[in-house]
Amino acid sequence: MPNWREHAKTDLKGYNAIVTGSSAGIGVETVRELAILGAKVVLACRSEEKTKLVIDKLLEESNDLIKSEQLIFLKLDLQSLESIREFSENVKSVFPTIQLLINNAGVMMIPERQLTKDGFEFQLGVNHIGHFYLTYLLKDVLFASGEDVRIVNVSSMYEV
């Protein structure tokens, strides 16, 4: 079986990436690896306070492999179409191109039925509608990147 790392890009200098849900779990590790490889990474999260702590920790643990200018917090609340539009406009004002969009954020097992700010069932709104809307709004800066663009939609399987 071939080793995927043999074919993986190992130099992402000049790449711009967005990782949603990057203040915990897989999102943090994704940011860490992309930044170590040289990408500039937007941490797209709801909580600035929590995300700033993650950024500080990543910088501290990286032994100077990650530079502070590579990690950028931009507020994104996927339960609000307005927040998604604002985030998209902020991204476009800073980055003419985005090469990597990692749609990682998600919620699950909401104890009671909840709705997003726009009236969608919460899990559907955050995990699906929010990410698809975000991808749609960023299509111009993604397509402007040429052929070397990746959009990754992270999902999980939970068994009770």
Protein backbone atom coordinates (compact mmCIF):
# COMPACT_ATOMS: atom_id res chain seq x y z
CA MET A 1 0.00 0.00 0.00
CA PRO A 2 1.49 3.37 -1.01
CA ASN A 3 2.40 5.86 1.70
CA TRP A 4 0.29 9.02 1.25
CA ARG A 5 3.09 11.17 2.71
CA GLU A 6 5.27 10.34 -0.31
CA HIS A 7 2.81 12.29 -2.47
CA ALA A 8 1.85 14.98 0.06
CA LYS A 9 2.95 18.57 -0.33
CA THR A 10 5.55 19.37 2.28
CA ASP A 11 5.94 23.07 1.55
CA LEU A 12 2.84 25.22 1.90
CA LYS A 13 4.61 28.60 1.96
CA GLY A 14 2.44 31.05 0.07
CA TYR A 15 -0.70 29.05 0.78
CA ASN A 16 -3.66 30.57 2.60
CA ALA A 17 -5.90 28.20 4.55
CA ILE A 18 -9.11 28.46 6.54
CA VAL A 19 -9.99 25.93 9.23
CA THR A 20 -13.42 26.20 10.84
CA GLY A 21 -13.81 24.91 14.37
CA SER A 22 -10.10 25.34 14.98
CA SER A 23 -10.25 26.07 18.69
CA ALA A 24 -10.41 22.41 19.74
CA GLY A 25 -9.68 18.83 18.71
CA ILE A 26 -8.98 17.96 15.09
CA GLY A 27 -9.19 21.63 14.14
CA VAL A 28 -6.24 22.56 16.36
CA GLU A 29 -4.12 19.71 15.00
CA THR A 30 -5.01 20.65 11.44
CA VAL A 31 -3.93 24.24 12.06
CA ARG A 32 -0.70 23.04 13.68
CA GLU A 33 0.28 20.85 10.71
CA LEU A 34 -0.65 23.39 8.04
CA ALA A 35 1.29 26.14 9.81
CA ILE A 36 4.36 23.95 10.37
CA LEU A 37 4.35 23.30 6.62
CA GLY A 38 4.37 27.07 6.05
CA ALA A 39 0.73 27.99 5.35
CA LYS A 40 -0.91 31.12 6.69
CA VAL A 41 -3.99 29.83 8.54
CA VAL A 42 -7.24 31.57 9.46
CA LEU A 43 -8.72 30.10 12.62
CA ALA A 44 -12.45 30.54 11.99
CA CYS A 45 -14.18 30.24 15.37
CA ARG A 46 -16.92 31.74 17.55
CA SER A 47 -14.84 32.53 20.63
CA GLU A 48 -11.95 34.94 20.24
CA GLU A 49 -10.84 34.33 23.83
CA LYS A 50 -10.65 30.55 23.43
CA THR A 51 -8.99 30.80 20.03
CA LYS A 52 -6.34 33.27 21.24
CA LEU A 53 -5.39 30.73 23.94
CA VAL A 54 -5.03 28.06 21.25
CA ILE A 55 -2.87 30.38 19.14
CA ASP A 56 -0.63 31.14 22.13
CA LYS A 57 -0.27 27.43 22.89
CA LEU A 58 0.52 26.53 19.28
CA LEU A 59 3.21 29.21 19.13
CA GLU A 60 4.69 28.14 22.45
CA GLU A 61 4.82 24.44 21.53
CA SER A 62 6.12 24.91 17.97
CA ASN A 63 9.79 25.62 18.80
CA ASP A 64 9.66 28.55 16.34
CA LEU A 65 8.37 26.35 13.51
CA ILE A 66 5.21 28.49 13.50
CA LYS A 67 5.38 32.29 13.33
CA SER A 68 2.69 34.48 14.88
CA GLU A 69 1.89 36.11 11.53
CA GLN A 70 0.84 32.68 10.20
CA LEU A 71 -2.10 32.35 12.62
CA ILE A 72 -5.05 34.71 12.24
CA PHE A 73 -8.29 34.64 14.20
CA LEU A 74 -11.46 35.69 12.39
CA LYS A 75 -14.83 35.36 14.09
CA LEU A 76 -17.24 32.90 12.49
CA ASP A 77 -20.51 31.64 13.93
CA LEU A 78 -21.90 28.98 11.61
CA GLN A 79 -25.37 29.19 13.15
CA SER A 80 -25.78 32.70 11.67
CA LEU A 81 -25.93 33.39 7.93
CA GLU A 82 -25.11 37.04 8.72
CA SER A 83 -21.93 35.98 10.57
CA ILE A 84 -20.96 33.77 7.62
CA ARG A 85 -21.43 36.70 5.21
CA GLU A 86 -19.36 39.01 7.44
CA PHE A 87 -16.61 36.40 7.77
CA SER A 88 -16.54 35.89 4.01
CA GLU A 89 -16.21 39.63 3.38
CA ASN A 90 -13.42 39.89 5.99
CA VAL A 91 -11.54 37.03 4.35
CA LYS A 92 -11.90 38.55 0.88
CA SER A 93 -10.63 41.91 2.12
CA VAL A 94 -7.42 40.29 3.45
CA PHE A 95 -6.74 37.38 1.08
CA PRO A 96 -6.99 37.57 -2.72
CA THR A 97 -6.74 33.76 -2.84
CA ILE A 98 -7.46 30.81 -0.56
CA GLN A 99 -5.93 27.45 -1.43
CA LEU A 100 -7.32 25.35 1.42
CA LEU A 101 -10.77 25.44 3.02
CA ILE A 102 -11.20 22.90 5.81
CA ASN A 103 -14.86 22.78 6.91
CA ASN A 104 -14.25 21.13 10.27
CA ALA A 105 -16.59 22.75 12.81
CA GLY A 106 -19.56 20.77 13.97
CA VAL A 107 -22.03 20.07 16.71
CA MET A 108 -23.77 16.86 17.63
CA MET A 109 -26.14 15.36 20.14
CA ILE A 110 -27.89 18.62 20.98
CA PRO A 111 -29.93 17.67 24.08
CA GLU A 112 -33.04 19.59 23.05
CA ARG A 113 -34.37 20.77 19.74
CA GLN A 114 -32.79 24.12 18.93
CA LEU A 115 -32.88 26.38 15.94
CA THR A 116 -30.14 28.50 14.43
CA LYS A 117 -30.53 32.27 14.32
CA ASP A 118 -32.04 31.81 10.86
CA GLY A 119 -34.55 29.11 11.87
CA PHE A 120 -32.80 25.94 10.71
CA GLU A 121 -32.56 22.88 12.95
CA PHE A 122 -29.30 23.54 14.82
CA GLN A 123 -27.21 20.53 13.82
CA LEU A 124 -28.27 20.74 10.16
CA GLY A 125 -27.72 24.50 10.13
CA VAL A 126 -24.24 24.45 11.67
CA ASN A 127 -22.83 21.22 10.24
CA HIS A 128 -24.20 21.47 6.71
CA ILE A 129 -25.98 24.66 5.65
CA GLY A 130 -23.39 26.90 7.31
CA HIS A 131 -20.44 25.21 5.66
CA PHE A 132 -22.03 24.98 2.24
CA TYR A 133 -23.00 28.67 2.40
CA LEU A 134 -19.46 29.58 3.49
CA THR A 135 -17.96 27.60 0.62
CA TYR A 136 -20.34 29.26 -1.84
CA LEU A 137 -19.45 32.76 -0.60
CA LEU A 138 -15.71 32.04 -0.85
CA LYS A 139 -15.86 30.51 -4.32
CA ASP A 140 -14.31 33.59 -5.97
CA VAL A 141 -11.14 33.56 -3.84
CA LEU A 142 -10.97 29.77 -4.08
CA PHE A 143 -11.25 29.76 -7.87
CA ALA A 144 -8.75 32.64 -8.10
CA SER A 145 -6.16 30.28 -6.63
CA GLY A 146 -5.94 28.23 -9.81
CA GLU A 147 -5.89 24.45 -9.91
CA ASP A 148 -4.16 23.80 -6.59
CA VAL A 149 -7.23 24.27 -4.38
CA ARG A 150 -8.69 21.87 -1.85
CA ILE A 151 -12.02 21.99 -0.02
CA VAL A 152 -12.29 19.39 2.74
CA ASN A 153 -15.56 18.68 4.52
CA VAL A 154 -14.85 16.86 7.77
CA SER A 155 -17.50 14.55 9.16
CA SER A 156 -17.68 11.99 11.90
CA MET A 157 -19.63 8.93 12.74
CA TYR A 158 -21.00 8.48 16.22
CA GLU A 159 -22.52 5.29 17.49
CA VAL A 160 -24.62 5.16 20.62
